[in-house]
Amino acid sequence: MKKQYRQPIVIAEIGCNHKGDINIAKELIDLAKSAGSDYAKFQKRNPRELLTDQQYNQPHKVPYNAYGESYGAHREFLEFDLAQHAELKAYAEAKGIGYASSVWDRTSAIEIASLQPDFIKIPSACNNHFEMLSVLRDDYKGLIHASLGMTSHKEEIDLISFFEEKNMAKDRLVLYSCTSGYPVAFDDVCLLEINRLFDNYGDRIAEVGFSGHHLGIAIDIAAYTLGASYIERHFTKDRTWKGTDHAASLEPSGLSKLVRNLSATHKALKSKPDEILAIEVEQREKLKYRPH
C-alpha cells in the first residue's frame, strides 16, 4: 500500500463522555460537527455478556468516576440501548456528520451492525474476541476499524488472517496505531508504529489510522504525515467532567484547531508541480542573484 495523503478523516470519539444522558450525547454531536469532525463515534457494550460476575460486581477502581456502586452498574448506567443508538445515528446524519460506534461483545456487534454505519470500530481490548469479530466479518458490509493498543504482533497477524479467510482484509480492514493509556505520555505514543504497519501489512489491509490518547494536538499532525488517514481523538465538552476518558479528551476548541491544522497539512503535503511556482516568479525577478 502506498501512502496517500488524502483529506484526513477526523473521528470525534465521544464514547461514554455523554455521562449516560442522550441530550448531552446530542450536544456533543453538535459540537463535533461545529469543530469540523467527520464522524461522531460512540461505544456499545452489553455489560452482563462482556464482564465476568467478579468484574461486574467489583467496585470501580476510581470511585470518583463511578456512576454505580459496582463496575457493572457503572457500565449499565452509561449504556444506550439500540433504539437510542438509532436515534443518535439519525440525529448525526441530519446534522451532516457521520455516526459510528465501537462494539465490545457479540450482542453489541449484532445490534450496531443492524444500523449499517459506514464503519464499526473494534477496541484494542477486543481485537482477539473472534466470536464477536465473526459477526462483523460475515454479517456486516461496512469498513471494520481495529485499534492495536496492548496487542502483540502475533495477535495482529491473527486478526488480519481472520479477515483474510473471507478475503475481506484488503478492502475492509483499517488498523490503528494506538497506545492504551489515559492519558499517554509522548514517550509512549510511538508514532513510528505507523511505519511498521505500512511496512508489514500495507499490502494486506485497506488503510492505516491513528487513535491518540495523548495531550495536545501536535502528535496527530505527525501521525497524518506518516500516512494515517483516519485520526481519532476522544472528545468531550469539559475535561473536568466526571468519568475516566475526559482527561485524555479534546474539548471543542482543541478539536477545531486539530481539524484546521490537519486541513492545512493536507494542502501542504505535495511536491512542487513546477520548478518555479507562480508565487515565486516575482520574488525571483527581484531577489535572485545574477552573476556579473
Protein backbone atom coordinates (compact mmCIF):
# COMPACT_ATOMS: atom_id res chain seq x y z
CA MET A 1 0.00 0.00 0.00
CA LYS A 2 1.43 3.38 -1.00
CA LYS A 3 0.89 6.20 1.47
CA GLN A 4 -1.69 8.55 0.02
CA TYR A 5 -2.17 11.93 1.63
CA ARG A 6 -5.87 12.28 1.00
CA GLN A 7 -8.02 14.57 3.10
CA PRO A 8 -7.73 13.22 6.65
CA ILE A 9 -10.86 11.82 8.25
CA VAL A 10 -11.32 13.06 11.82
CA ILE A 11 -13.27 10.96 14.29
CA ALA A 12 -14.56 12.54 17.50
CA GLU A 13 -14.65 9.63 19.94
CA ILE A 14 -17.47 10.62 22.28
CA GLY A 15 -17.55 7.12 23.71
CA CYS A 16 -19.25 7.35 27.08
CA ASN A 17 -18.39 11.00 27.70
CA HIS A 18 -22.12 11.75 27.46
CA LYS A 19 -22.49 10.62 31.10
CA GLY A 20 -25.45 8.41 30.19
CA ASP A 21 -27.57 11.38 29.04
CA ILE A 22 -28.77 11.27 25.44
CA ASN A 23 -29.28 15.03 25.38
CA ILE A 24 -25.62 15.53 26.26
CA ALA A 25 -24.76 12.99 23.56
CA LYS A 26 -26.66 15.06 21.01
CA GLU A 27 -24.97 18.23 22.21
CA LEU A 28 -21.59 16.55 21.74
CA ILE A 29 -22.61 15.58 18.19
CA ASP A 30 -23.41 19.25 17.54
CA LEU A 31 -20.08 20.36 18.98
CA ALA A 32 -18.16 17.73 16.99
CA LYS A 33 -19.86 18.90 13.81
CA SER A 34 -19.14 22.56 14.58
CA ALA A 35 -15.48 21.69 15.14
CA GLY A 36 -15.30 20.11 11.67
CA SER A 37 -15.14 16.43 12.64
CA ASP A 38 -16.22 13.89 10.03
CA TYR A 39 -17.65 11.34 12.48
CA ALA A 40 -19.08 11.29 15.99
CA LYS A 41 -18.35 7.89 17.49
CA PHE A 42 -19.90 6.17 20.50
CA GLN A 43 -19.47 2.82 22.25
CA LYS A 44 -21.83 -0.14 22.73
CA ARG A 45 -21.46 -2.77 25.44
CA ASN A 46 -23.63 -5.47 26.94
CA PRO A 47 -22.06 -5.49 30.43
CA ARG A 48 -23.67 -8.78 31.50
CA GLU A 49 -22.25 -10.51 28.44
CA LEU A 50 -18.88 -8.76 28.44
CA LEU A 51 -17.97 -8.99 32.12
CA THR A 52 -17.47 -11.95 34.42
CA ASP A 53 -19.54 -11.92 37.62
CA GLN A 54 -16.44 -10.89 39.52
CA GLN A 55 -15.72 -8.00 37.15
CA TYR A 56 -19.37 -6.93 37.17
CA ASN A 57 -19.69 -6.87 40.97
CA GLN A 58 -16.34 -5.35 41.92
CA PRO A 59 -16.17 -1.63 42.75
CA HIS A 60 -14.94 0.84 40.17
CA LYS A 61 -11.20 1.32 40.63
CA VAL A 62 -11.64 5.11 40.70
CA PRO A 63 -14.74 5.79 42.86
CA TYR A 64 -14.83 9.46 41.86
CA ASN A 65 -15.51 8.46 38.24
CA ALA A 66 -18.09 5.77 39.08
CA TYR A 67 -21.75 6.02 38.06
CA GLY A 68 -22.75 2.94 40.05
CA GLU A 69 -21.88 1.01 43.20
CA SER A 70 -20.22 -1.77 41.16
CA TYR A 71 -18.25 -1.61 37.93
CA GLY A 72 -21.09 -3.42 36.17
CA ALA A 73 -23.68 -0.95 37.46
CA HIS A 74 -21.39 1.87 36.35
CA ARG A 75 -21.23 0.43 32.83
CA GLU A 76 -25.00 -0.14 32.72
CA PHE A 77 -25.64 3.49 33.67
CA LEU A 78 -23.55 4.73 30.75
CA GLU A 79 -25.13 2.45 28.13
CA PHE A 80 -27.59 3.48 25.43
CA ASP A 81 -29.87 0.80 24.02
CA LEU A 82 -30.21 0.04 20.32
CA ALA A 83 -33.16 2.42 19.86
CA GLN A 84 -31.14 5.25 21.38
CA HIS A 85 -28.18 4.48 19.10
CA ALA A 86 -30.56 4.56 16.13
CA GLU A 87 -31.79 7.93 17.38
CA LEU A 88 -28.21 9.23 17.66
CA LYS A 89 -27.38 7.98 14.16
CA ALA A 90 -30.42 9.72 12.69
CA TYR A 91 -29.61 12.89 14.64
CA ALA A 92 -25.98 12.92 13.49
CA GLU A 93 -26.87 12.35 9.86
CA ALA A 94 -29.48 15.12 9.98
CA LYS A 95 -26.72 17.42 11.23
CA GLY A 96 -24.38 16.39 8.40
CA ILE A 97 -21.89 14.34 10.39
CA GLY A 98 -21.31 10.58 10.27
CA TYR A 99 -22.24 8.22 13.10
CA ALA A 100 -20.08 5.30 14.22
CA SER A 101 -19.64 3.11 17.25
CA SER A 102 -17.19 0.74 18.88
CA VAL A 103 -18.55 -2.65 19.95
CA TRP A 104 -17.27 -4.78 22.82
CA ASP A 105 -19.25 -8.03 22.59
CA ARG A 106 -21.22 -10.20 20.17
CA THR A 107 -24.65 -8.82 21.05
CA SER A 108 -23.44 -5.23 20.63
CA ALA A 109 -21.85 -6.14 17.28
CA ILE A 110 -25.14 -7.59 16.02
CA GLU A 111 -27.08 -4.54 17.20
CA ILE A 112 -24.78 -1.88 15.78
CA ALA A 113 -24.34 -3.80 12.51
CA SER A 114 -28.13 -3.65 12.09
CA LEU A 115 -27.83 0.16 11.89
CA GLN A 116 -25.41 -0.16 8.94
CA PRO A 117 -22.98 2.65 9.84
CA ASP A 118 -20.10 3.40 7.47
CA PHE A 119 -17.72 1.63 9.84
CA ILE A 120 -17.67 -0.20 13.15
CA LYS A 121 -14.68 0.05 15.49
CA ILE A 122 -13.07 -2.82 17.36
CA PRO A 123 -11.39 -1.52 20.53
CA SER A 124 -7.92 -2.70 21.48
CA ALA A 125 -9.39 -4.72 24.33
CA CYS A 126 -11.49 -6.86 21.96
CA ASN A 127 -9.41 -7.36 18.82
CA ASN A 128 -8.93 -11.01 19.84
CA HIS A 129 -12.66 -11.62 20.51
CA PHE A 130 -13.21 -13.82 17.45
CA GLU A 131 -16.78 -14.75 18.29
CA MET A 132 -17.62 -11.05 18.06
CA LEU A 133 -15.33 -10.49 15.07
CA SER A 134 -17.11 -13.23 13.12
CA VAL A 135 -20.33 -11.18 13.27
CA LEU A 136 -18.59 -8.16 11.79
CA ARG A 137 -16.74 -10.15 9.16
CA ASP A 138 -19.64 -12.31 7.99
CA ASP A 139 -22.82 -10.29 8.62
CA TYR A 140 -21.79 -6.66 8.20
CA LYS A 141 -20.77 -4.97 4.96
CA GLY A 142 -19.07 -1.75 6.09
CA LEU A 143 -15.47 -0.97 6.99
CA ILE A 144 -14.02 -2.54 10.12
CA HIS A 145 -11.60 -0.39 12.10
CA ALA A 146 -9.43 -2.04 14.74
CA SER A 147 -7.12 -0.47 17.32
CA LEU A 148 -3.86 -2.23 18.17
CA GLY A 149 -3.16 -0.95 21.67
CA MET A 150 -1.92 -3.60 24.15
CA THR A 151 -1.68 -6.07 21.24
CA SER A 152 1.18 -8.42 20.37
CA HIS A 153 2.47 -8.80 16.83
CA LYS A 154 1.14 -12.35 16.76
CA GLU A 155 -2.31 -11.06 17.72
CA GLU A 156 -2.09 -8.52 14.88
CA ILE A 157 -1.33 -11.28 12.39
CA ASP A 158 -4.12 -13.46 13.80
CA LEU A 159 -6.55 -10.57 13.36
CA ILE A 160 -5.56 -9.90 9.76
CA SER A 161 -5.55 -13.60 8.90
CA PHE A 162 -9.06 -13.97 10.32
CA PHE A 163 -10.41 -11.43 7.84
CA GLU A 164 -8.27 -12.84 5.02
CA GLU A 165 -10.06 -16.17 5.43
CA LYS A 166 -13.00 -14.48 3.67
CA ASN A 167 -10.85 -12.17 1.51
CA MET A 168 -12.05 -9.15 3.49
CA ALA A 169 -8.88 -7.62 4.95
CA LYS A 170 -7.59 -5.79 1.88
CA ASP A 171 -10.80 -3.88 1.21
CA ARG A 172 -12.40 -3.57 4.65
CA LEU A 173 -9.86 -3.70 7.48
CA VAL A 174 -8.32 -0.48 8.83
CA LEU A 175 -5.66 -0.90 11.52
CA TYR A 176 -4.94 1.87 14.02
CA SER A 177 -1.64 2.58 15.70
CA CYS A 178 -2.58 3.07 19.35
CA THR A 179 -1.17 3.01 22.86
CA SER A 180 -3.69 2.03 25.54
CA GLY A 181 -3.36 4.56 28.34
CA TYR A 182 -5.36 7.57 29.58
CA PRO A 183 -3.54 9.86 29.04
CA VAL A 184 -0.42 8.61 27.22
CA ALA A 185 2.95 10.33 27.66
CA PHE A 186 4.67 11.39 24.44
CA ASP A 187 7.42 8.82 25.03
CA ASP A 188 4.77 6.08 24.83
CA VAL A 189 2.92 7.29 21.72
CA CYS A 190 5.47 5.52 19.46
CA LEU A 191 4.42 7.12 16.19
CA LEU A 192 6.79 5.01 14.11
CA GLU A 193 4.42 2.10 14.69
CA ILE A 194 2.53 3.66 11.77
CA ASN A 195 5.53 2.97 9.55
CA ARG A 196 5.71 -0.59 10.87
CA LEU A 197 2.06 -1.19 9.98
CA PHE A 198 2.66 0.05 6.44
CA ASP A 199 5.86 -1.95 6.06
CA ASN A 200 4.45 -5.21 7.45
CA TYR A 201 0.80 -5.16 6.42
CA GLY A 202 0.40 -2.39 3.85
CA ASP A 203 -0.43 -4.79 1.03
CA ARG A 204 -2.86 -6.79 3.19
CA ILE A 205 -5.19 -4.14 4.68
CA ALA A 206 -7.28 -1.25 3.46
CA GLU A 207 -5.74 1.69 5.37
CA VAL A 208 -3.88 2.77 8.49
CA GLY A 209 -5.29 5.04 11.19
CA PHE A 210 -4.14 6.62 14.45
CA SER A 211 -6.03 6.63 17.74
CA GLY A 212 -4.41 9.03 20.18
CA HIS A 213 -4.84 9.28 23.95
CA HIS A 214 -2.14 11.91 24.44
CA LEU A 215 -2.43 15.56 25.41
CA GLY A 216 -2.48 18.36 22.84
CA ILE A 217 -2.76 18.15 19.06
CA ALA A 218 0.79 18.26 17.67
CA ILE A 219 1.24 14.48 17.62
CA ASP A 220 -1.81 13.95 15.39
CA ILE A 221 -0.28 16.10 12.64
CA ALA A 222 2.83 13.93 12.73
CA ALA A 223 0.67 10.79 12.56
CA TYR A 224 -1.03 12.11 9.44
CA THR A 225 2.28 12.94 7.75
CA LEU A 226 3.38 9.35 8.44
CA GLY A 227 0.36 8.13 6.48
CA ALA A 228 -2.50 7.68 8.97
CA SER A 229 -5.62 8.67 7.05
CA TYR A 230 -8.02 8.33 10.00
CA ILE A 231 -7.30 10.43 13.09
CA GLU A 232 -9.37 9.52 16.15
CA ARG A 233 -9.39 11.54 19.37
CA HIS A 234 -11.55 11.28 22.48
CA PHE A 235 -13.90 14.25 22.68
CA THR A 236 -15.77 15.97 25.49
CA LYS A 237 -17.34 19.29 26.31
CA ASP A 238 -15.45 19.68 29.57
CA ARG A 239 -12.29 17.78 30.55
CA THR A 240 -13.14 18.22 34.24
CA TRP A 241 -16.38 16.23 33.97
CA LYS A 242 -16.77 13.04 35.96
CA GLY A 243 -15.58 9.99 34.02
CA THR A 244 -12.46 8.09 33.04
CA ASP A 245 -11.91 9.38 29.50
CA HIS A 246 -12.42 13.13 29.90
CA ALA A 247 -8.84 13.88 30.97
CA ALA A 248 -7.46 12.39 27.75
CA SER A 249 -10.08 14.07 25.55
CA LEU A 250 -10.11 17.21 23.44
CA GLU A 251 -12.60 19.97 24.14
CA PRO A 252 -14.36 21.72 21.22
CA SER A 253 -11.69 24.39 20.77
CA GLY A 254 -8.94 21.76 20.68
CA LEU A 255 -10.80 19.59 18.18
CA SER A 256 -11.47 22.62 15.98
CA LYS A 257 -7.78 23.53 15.96
CA LEU A 258 -6.85 19.94 15.17
CA VAL A 259 -9.20 19.85 12.17
CA ARG A 260 -7.83 23.21 10.99
CA ASN A 261 -4.21 22.07 11.31
CA LEU A 262 -4.84 18.74 9.59
CA SER A 263 -6.53 20.54 6.71
CA ALA A 264 -3.58 22.91 6.35
CA THR A 265 -1.15 19.99 6.46
CA HIS A 266 -3.15 18.15 3.79
CA LYS A 267 -2.87 21.15 1.47
CA ALA A 268 0.87 21.41 2.07
CA LEU A 269 1.75 17.71 1.64
CA LYS A 270 2.68 17.71 -2.03
CA SER A 271 5.65 18.22 -4.29
CA LYS A 272 6.13 21.34 -6.38
CA PRO A 273 4.27 20.89 -9.70
CA ASP A 274 6.74 23.25 -11.41
CA GLU A 275 10.39 24.04 -10.75
CA ILE A 276 9.46 27.69 -10.16
CA LEU A 277 5.99 28.30 -8.76
CA ALA A 278 3.89 31.24 -9.93
CA ILE A 279 4.12 32.74 -6.44
CA GLU A 280 7.94 32.70 -6.77
CA VAL A 281 8.27 34.43 -10.13
CA GLU A 282 8.10 38.00 -8.82
CA GLN A 283 10.46 37.20 -5.96
CA ARG A 284 12.88 35.53 -8.34
CA GLU A 285 12.94 38.58 -10.59
CA LYS A 286 13.55 40.84 -7.61
CA LEU A 287 15.88 38.79 -5.42
CA LYS A 288 17.64 36.04 -7.35
CA TYR A 289 21.38 36.55 -7.61
CA ARG A 290 22.59 37.37 -11.12
CA PRO A 291 26.24 36.71 -11.91
CA HIS A 292 28.04 39.88 -13.05
